[in-house]
């Protein structure tokens, strides 16, 4: 069934619709199944319209990556603003993003697919890593965190990667206990 193409004079709305379509495909399928034709069809845009905004698949994925990071940054800043305890606030916000709840959260699934792209392309990996760290630094995480809080952030990164790769769980290891411990550590003044 074909999606009816819609015309609009709002380029940002078209661009966001294309990114939404790409995100939907990544959340339900694999990056290999994401084609420009399928994205255009799901977004109700001609392939030429898609190519106007994203000349190739790499630029489409780059646009999606940047949008997801911006959403992540906004979530982190909101969590920081809502956390009444100043000590470790940025670390707790970051660690909270690493703990998908539920694990099938759409953003988590999209980031999982984008990570697979990133790990398979050295040049893209270099660029996206720089963008990622610039985004995280812009939240004040590294400025306001103790070494112990940063260690918890790195451990949470490992837990996130572990979960994304689907690695077998260690007997007797409870991820909820890890996150409770990380929360406790980030609240300490040392």
C-alpha atoms as a PDB file:
ATOM      1  CA  UNK A   1       0.000   0.000   0.000  1.00  0.00           C
ATOM      2  CA  UNK A   2       1.478   3.314  -1.049  1.00  0.00           C
ATOM      3  CA  UNK A   3       1.481   6.287   1.254  1.00  0.00           C
ATOM      4  CA  UNK A   4       0.003   9.337  -0.418  1.00  0.00           C
ATOM      5  CA  UNK A   5       2.645  11.953  -1.085  1.00  0.00           C
ATOM      6  CA  UNK A   6       2.066  15.271   0.599  1.00  0.00           C
ATOM      7  CA  UNK A   7       3.385  18.618  -0.522  1.00  0.00           C
ATOM      8  CA  UNK A   8       4.255  21.305   1.939  1.00  0.00           C
ATOM      9  CA  UNK A   9       6.076  24.585   1.946  1.00  0.00           C
ATOM     10  CA  UNK A  10       7.596  23.766   5.328  1.00  0.00           C
ATOM     11  CA  UNK A  11      11.025  22.237   4.647  1.00  0.00           C
ATOM     12  CA  UNK A  12      11.661  21.571   8.354  1.00  0.00           C
ATOM     13  CA  UNK A  13       8.414  19.602   8.639  1.00  0.00           C
ATOM     14  CA  UNK A  14       9.397  17.527   5.595  1.00  0.00           C
ATOM     15  CA  UNK A  15      12.885  16.955   6.999  1.00  0.00           C
ATOM     16  CA  UNK A  16      11.465  15.914  10.385  1.00  0.00           C
ATOM     17  CA  UNK A  17       8.970  13.612   8.672  1.00  0.00           C
ATOM     18  CA  UNK A  18      11.827  11.933   6.818  1.00  0.00           C
ATOM     19  CA  UNK A  19      13.785  11.523  10.051  1.00  0.00           C
ATOM     20  CA  UNK A  20      10.663  10.134  11.759  1.00  0.00           C
ATOM     21  CA  UNK A  21      10.251   7.600   8.959  1.00  0.00           C
ATOM     22  CA  UNK A  22      13.906   6.581   9.168  1.00  0.00           C
ATOM     23  CA  UNK A  23      13.617   6.261  12.952  1.00  0.00           C
ATOM     24  CA  UNK A  24      10.515   4.075  12.604  1.00  0.00           C
ATOM     25  CA  UNK A  25      12.336   1.766  10.204  1.00  0.00           C
ATOM     26  CA  UNK A  26      15.362   1.518  12.494  1.00  0.00           C
ATOM     27  CA  UNK A  27      13.179   0.857  15.530  1.00  0.00           C
ATOM     28  CA  UNK A  28      11.434  -2.080  13.858  1.00  0.00           C
ATOM     29  CA  UNK A  29      13.957  -3.411  11.323  1.00  0.00           C
ATOM     30  CA  UNK A  30      17.664  -3.222  10.655  1.00  0.00           C
ATOM     31  CA  UNK A  31      19.840  -0.536   9.150  1.00  0.00           C
ATOM     32  CA  UNK A  32      20.288  -2.796   6.114  1.00  0.00           C
ATOM     33  CA  UNK A  33      16.543  -2.591   5.431  1.00  0.00           C
ATOM     34  CA  UNK A  34      16.575   1.189   5.606  1.00  0.00           C
ATOM     35  CA  UNK A  35      16.584   2.418   2.027  1.00  0.00           C
ATOM     36  CA  UNK A  36      15.984   5.897   0.731  1.00  0.00           C
ATOM     37  CA  UNK A  37      13.010   4.633  -1.260  1.00  0.00           C
ATOM     38  CA  UNK A  38      11.413   3.067   1.821  1.00  0.00           C
ATOM     39  CA  UNK A  39      12.008   6.203   3.905  1.00  0.00           C
ATOM     40  CA  UNK A  40      10.476   8.401   1.198  1.00  0.00           C
ATOM     41  CA  UNK A  41       7.484   6.065   0.915  1.00  0.00           C
ATOM     42  CA  UNK A  42       6.893   5.971   4.702  1.00  0.00           C
ATOM     43  CA  UNK A  43       7.210   9.754   4.920  1.00  0.00           C
ATOM     44  CA  UNK A  44       4.854  10.327   1.986  1.00  0.00           C
ATOM     45  CA  UNK A  45       7.551  12.260   0.131  1.00  0.00           C
ATOM     46  CA  UNK A  46       8.945  11.709  -3.338  1.00  0.00           C
ATOM     47  CA  UNK A  47      12.422  10.250  -3.538  1.00  0.00           C
ATOM     48  CA  UNK A  48      13.531  13.536  -5.130  1.00  0.00           C
ATOM     49  CA  UNK A  49      12.115  15.379  -2.119  1.00  0.00           C
ATOM     50  CA  UNK A  50      14.078  13.124   0.184  1.00  0.00           C
ATOM     51  CA  UNK A  51      17.260  13.622  -1.858  1.00  0.00           C
ATOM     52  CA  UNK A  52      16.788  17.382  -1.596  1.00  0.00           C
ATOM     53  CA  UNK A  53      17.155  17.114   2.195  1.00  0.00           C
ATOM     54  CA  UNK A  54      19.400  14.056   2.443  1.00  0.00           C
ATOM     55  CA  UNK A  55      21.454  13.359  -0.715  1.00  0.00           C
ATOM     56  CA  UNK A  56      22.409   9.860   0.492  1.00  0.00           C
ATOM     57  CA  UNK A  57      21.785   7.289   3.197  1.00  0.00           C
ATOM     58  CA  UNK A  58      24.835   8.405   5.187  1.00  0.00           C
ATOM     59  CA  UNK A  59      23.535  11.976   5.465  1.00  0.00           C
ATOM     60  CA  UNK A  60      20.102  10.696   6.463  1.00  0.00           C
ATOM     61  CA  UNK A  61      21.661   8.577   9.221  1.00  0.00           C
ATOM     62  CA  UNK A  62      23.828  11.525  10.266  1.00  0.00           C
ATOM     63  CA  UNK A  63      20.738  13.732  10.543  1.00  0.00           C
ATOM     64  CA  UNK A  64      18.993  11.081  12.625  1.00  0.00           C
ATOM     65  CA  UNK A  65      22.050  10.648  14.865  1.00  0.00           C
ATOM     66  CA  UNK A  66      22.256  14.389  15.490  1.00  0.00           C
ATOM     67  CA  UNK A  67      18.542  14.585  16.255  1.00  0.00           C
ATOM     68  CA  UNK A  68      18.699  11.647  18.674  1.00  0.00           C
ATOM     69  CA  UNK A  69      21.660  13.237  20.458  1.00  0.00           C
ATOM     70  CA  UNK A  70      19.779  16.507  20.760  1.00  0.00           C
ATOM     71  CA  UNK A  71      16.818  14.637  22.270  1.00  0.00           C
ATOM     72  CA  UNK A  72      19.201  12.844  24.640  1.00  0.00           C
ATOM     73  CA  UNK A  73      20.760  16.166  25.655  1.00  0.00           C
ATOM     74  CA  UNK A  74      17.320  17.652  26.325  1.00  0.00           C
ATOM     75  CA  UNK A  75      16.313  14.623  28.422  1.00  0.00           C
ATOM     76  CA  UNK A  76      19.512  14.907  30.397  1.00  0.00           C
ATOM     77  CA  UNK A  77      19.081  18.641  31.024  1.00  0.00           C
ATOM     78  CA  UNK A  78      15.470  18.081  32.109  1.00  0.00           C
ATOM     79  CA  UNK A  79      16.529  15.309  34.492  1.00  0.00           C
ATOM     80  CA  UNK A  80      19.213  17.592  35.935  1.00  0.00           C
ATOM     81  CA  UNK A  81      16.734  20.420  36.390  1.00  0.00           C
ATOM     82  CA  UNK A  82      14.289  18.084  38.162  1.00  0.00           C
ATOM     83  CA  UNK A  83      16.919  16.560  40.478  1.00  0.00           C
ATOM     84  CA  UNK A  84      16.789  18.386  43.839  1.00  0.00           C
ATOM     85  CA  UNK A  85      20.233  17.108  44.939  1.00  0.00           C
ATOM     86  CA  UNK A  86      22.965  19.176  43.292  1.00  0.00           C
ATOM     87  CA  UNK A  87      25.840  16.794  44.070  1.00  0.00           C
ATOM     88  CA  UNK A  88      26.182  14.322  41.191  1.00  0.00           C
ATOM     89  CA  UNK A  89      23.109  15.641  39.383  1.00  0.00           C
ATOM     90  CA  UNK A  90      24.684  15.546  35.915  1.00  0.00           C
ATOM     91  CA  UNK A  91      26.084  12.051  36.464  1.00  0.00           C
ATOM     92  CA  UNK A  92      22.706  10.715  37.618  1.00  0.00           C
ATOM     93  CA  UNK A  93      21.003  12.241  34.587  1.00  0.00           C
ATOM     94  CA  UNK A  94      23.559  10.628  32.284  1.00  0.00           C
ATOM     95  CA  UNK A  95      23.377   7.258  34.033  1.00  0.00           C
ATOM     96  CA  UNK A  96      19.582   7.381  33.852  1.00  0.00           C
ATOM     97  CA  UNK A  97      19.818   7.677  30.067  1.00  0.00           C
ATOM     98  CA  UNK A  98      21.989   4.551  29.953  1.00  0.00           C
ATOM     99  CA  UNK A  99      19.301   2.531  31.742  1.00  0.00           C
ATOM    100  CA  UNK A 100      16.544   2.060  29.164  1.00  0.00           C
ATOM    101  CA  UNK A 101      13.195   1.590  30.771  1.00  0.00           C
ATOM    102  CA  UNK A 102      11.684  -0.310  29.123  1.00  0.00           C
ATOM    103  CA  UNK A 103      14.623  -1.793  27.161  1.00  0.00           C
ATOM    104  CA  UNK A 104      12.472  -1.688  24.008  1.00  0.00           C
ATOM    105  CA  UNK A 105      12.180   2.125  24.208  1.00  0.00           C
ATOM    106  CA  UNK A 106      12.171   3.559  20.672  1.00  0.00           C
ATOM    107  CA  UNK A 107      15.146   5.879  21.251  1.00  0.00           C
ATOM    108  CA  UNK A 108      17.124   2.975  22.672  1.00  0.00           C
ATOM    109  CA  UNK A 109      16.378   0.832  19.617  1.00  0.00           C
ATOM    110  CA  UNK A 110      17.304   3.659  17.244  1.00  0.00           C
ATOM    111  CA  UNK A 111      20.568   4.319  19.081  1.00  0.00           C
ATOM    112  CA  UNK A 112      21.334   0.613  18.995  1.00  0.00           C
ATOM    113  CA  UNK A 113      21.019   0.606  15.201  1.00  0.00           C
ATOM    114  CA  UNK A 114      23.040   3.814  14.864  1.00  0.00           C
ATOM    115  CA  UNK A 115      25.760   2.344  17.080  1.00  0.00           C
ATOM    116  CA  UNK A 116      26.029  -0.632  14.729  1.00  0.00           C
ATOM    117  CA  UNK A 117      26.533   1.787  11.837  1.00  0.00           C
ATOM    118  CA  UNK A 118      29.085   3.739  13.835  1.00  0.00           C
ATOM    119  CA  UNK A 119      31.091   0.647  14.761  1.00  0.00           C
ATOM    120  CA  UNK A 120      31.292  -0.485  11.140  1.00  0.00           C
ATOM    121  CA  UNK A 121      32.523   2.790   9.621  1.00  0.00           C
ATOM    122  CA  UNK A 122      35.796   4.253  10.915  1.00  0.00           C
ATOM    123  CA  UNK A 123      35.348   7.740   9.455  1.00  0.00           C
ATOM    124  CA  UNK A 124      31.774   7.983  10.687  1.00  0.00           C
ATOM    125  CA  UNK A 125      32.877   6.688  14.074  1.00  0.00           C
ATOM    126  CA  UNK A 126      35.421   9.496  14.370  1.00  0.00           C
ATOM    127  CA  UNK A 127      32.861  12.159  13.467  1.00  0.00           C
ATOM    128  CA  UNK A 128      29.997  10.804  15.584  1.00  0.00           C
ATOM    129  CA  UNK A 129      32.261  10.273  18.603  1.00  0.00           C
ATOM    130  CA  UNK A 130      33.293  13.939  18.442  1.00  0.00           C
ATOM    131  CA  UNK A 131      29.657  15.034  18.148  1.00  0.00           C
ATOM    132  CA  UNK A 132      28.636  12.738  21.020  1.00  0.00           C
ATOM    133  CA  UNK A 133      31.294  14.062  23.387  1.00  0.00           C
ATOM    134  CA  UNK A 134      30.607  17.682  22.445  1.00  0.00           C
ATOM    135  CA  UNK A 135      26.931  17.057  23.229  1.00  0.00           C
ATOM    136  CA  UNK A 136      27.680  15.417  26.577  1.00  0.00           C
ATOM    137  CA  UNK A 137      30.191  18.117  27.543  1.00  0.00           C
ATOM    138  CA  UNK A 138      27.589  20.791  26.784  1.00  0.00           C
ATOM    139  CA  UNK A 139      25.481  19.461  29.682  1.00  0.00           C
ATOM    140  CA  UNK A 140      28.237  20.181  32.224  1.00  0.00           C
ATOM    141  CA  UNK A 141      28.774  16.516  33.054  1.00  0.00           C
ATOM    142  CA  UNK A 142      32.555  16.683  33.096  1.00  0.00           C
ATOM    143  CA  UNK A 143      32.728  20.062  34.777  1.00  0.00           C
ATOM    144  CA  UNK A 144      30.574  19.180  37.773  1.00  0.00           C
ATOM    145  CA  UNK A 145      31.293  15.490  38.426  1.00  0.00           C
ATOM    146  CA  UNK A 146      33.680  13.868  40.883  1.00  0.00           C
ATOM    147  CA  UNK A 147      36.017  11.101  39.702  1.00  0.00           C
ATOM    148  CA  UNK A 148      33.722   8.543  41.369  1.00  0.00           C
ATOM    149  CA  UNK A 149      30.687   9.930  39.561  1.00  0.00           C
ATOM    150  CA  UNK A 150      32.534   9.822  36.249  1.00  0.00           C
ATOM    151  CA  UNK A 151      33.548   6.235  36.974  1.00  0.00           C
ATOM    152  CA  UNK A 152      29.847   5.431  37.455  1.00  0.00           C
ATOM    153  CA  UNK A 153      29.092   7.107  34.102  1.00  0.00           C
ATOM    154  CA  UNK A 154      31.716   4.977  32.362  1.00  0.00           C
ATOM    155  CA  UNK A 155      30.357   1.850  34.047  1.00  0.00           C
ATOM    156  CA  UNK A 156      26.855   2.811  32.872  1.00  0.00           C
ATOM    157  CA  UNK A 157      28.241   3.207  29.341  1.00  0.00           C
ATOM    158  CA  UNK A 158      29.551  -0.339  29.632  1.00  0.00           C
ATOM    159  CA  UNK A 159      26.183  -1.582  30.884  1.00  0.00           C
ATOM    160  CA  UNK A 160      24.460   0.168  27.975  1.00  0.00           C
ATOM    161  CA  UNK A 161      26.850  -1.371  25.461  1.00  0.00           C
ATOM    162  CA  UNK A 162      26.514  -4.766  27.149  1.00  0.00           C
ATOM    163  CA  UNK A 163      22.720  -4.575  26.853  1.00  0.00           C
ATOM    164  CA  UNK A 164      22.792  -3.283  23.277  1.00  0.00           C
ATOM    165  CA  UNK A 165      25.043  -6.101  22.133  1.00  0.00           C
ATOM    166  CA  UNK A 166      22.800  -8.646  23.823  1.00  0.00           C
ATOM    167  CA  UNK A 167      25.645 -10.162  25.816  1.00  0.00           C
ATOM    168  CA  UNK A 168      24.673 -12.940  28.177  1.00  0.00           C
ATOM    169  CA  UNK A 169      23.967 -11.778  31.717  1.00  0.00           C
ATOM    170  CA  UNK A 170      26.360 -12.768  34.477  1.00  0.00           C
ATOM    171  CA  UNK A 171      24.817 -15.121  37.030  1.00  0.00           C
ATOM    172  CA  UNK A 172      24.037 -13.312  40.259  1.00  0.00           C
ATOM    173  CA  UNK A 173      24.495  -9.848  38.713  1.00  0.00           C
ATOM    174  CA  UNK A 174      21.491  -7.611  39.039  1.00  0.00           C
ATOM    175  CA  UNK A 175      21.467  -4.479  36.871  1.00  0.00           C
ATOM    176  CA  UNK A 176      18.960  -2.781  39.202  1.00  0.00           C
ATOM    177  CA  UNK A 177      21.480  -3.183  42.041  1.00  0.00           C
ATOM    178  CA  UNK A 178      24.135  -1.576  39.834  1.00  0.00           C
ATOM    179  CA  UNK A 179      21.962   1.460  39.137  1.00  0.00           C
ATOM    180  CA  UNK A 180      21.042   1.798  42.832  1.00  0.00           C
ATOM    181  CA  UNK A 181      24.718   1.703  43.766  1.00  0.00           C
ATOM    182  CA  UNK A 182      25.597   4.251  41.070  1.00  0.00           C
ATOM    183  CA  UNK A 183      22.846   6.527  42.400  1.00  0.00           C
ATOM    184  CA  UNK A 184      24.227   6.229  45.932  1.00  0.00           C
ATOM    185  CA  UNK A 185      27.806   6.919  44.809  1.00  0.00           C
ATOM    186  CA  UNK A 186      26.831   9.994  42.784  1.00  0.00           C
ATOM    187  CA  UNK A 187      25.119  11.475  45.840  1.00  0.00           C
ATOM    188  CA  UNK A 188      28.287  11.269  47.946  1.00  0.00           C
ATOM    189  CA  UNK A 189      30.539  14.298  48.180  1.00  0.00           C
ATOM    190  CA  UNK A 190      33.663  12.299  47.265  1.00  0.00           C
END
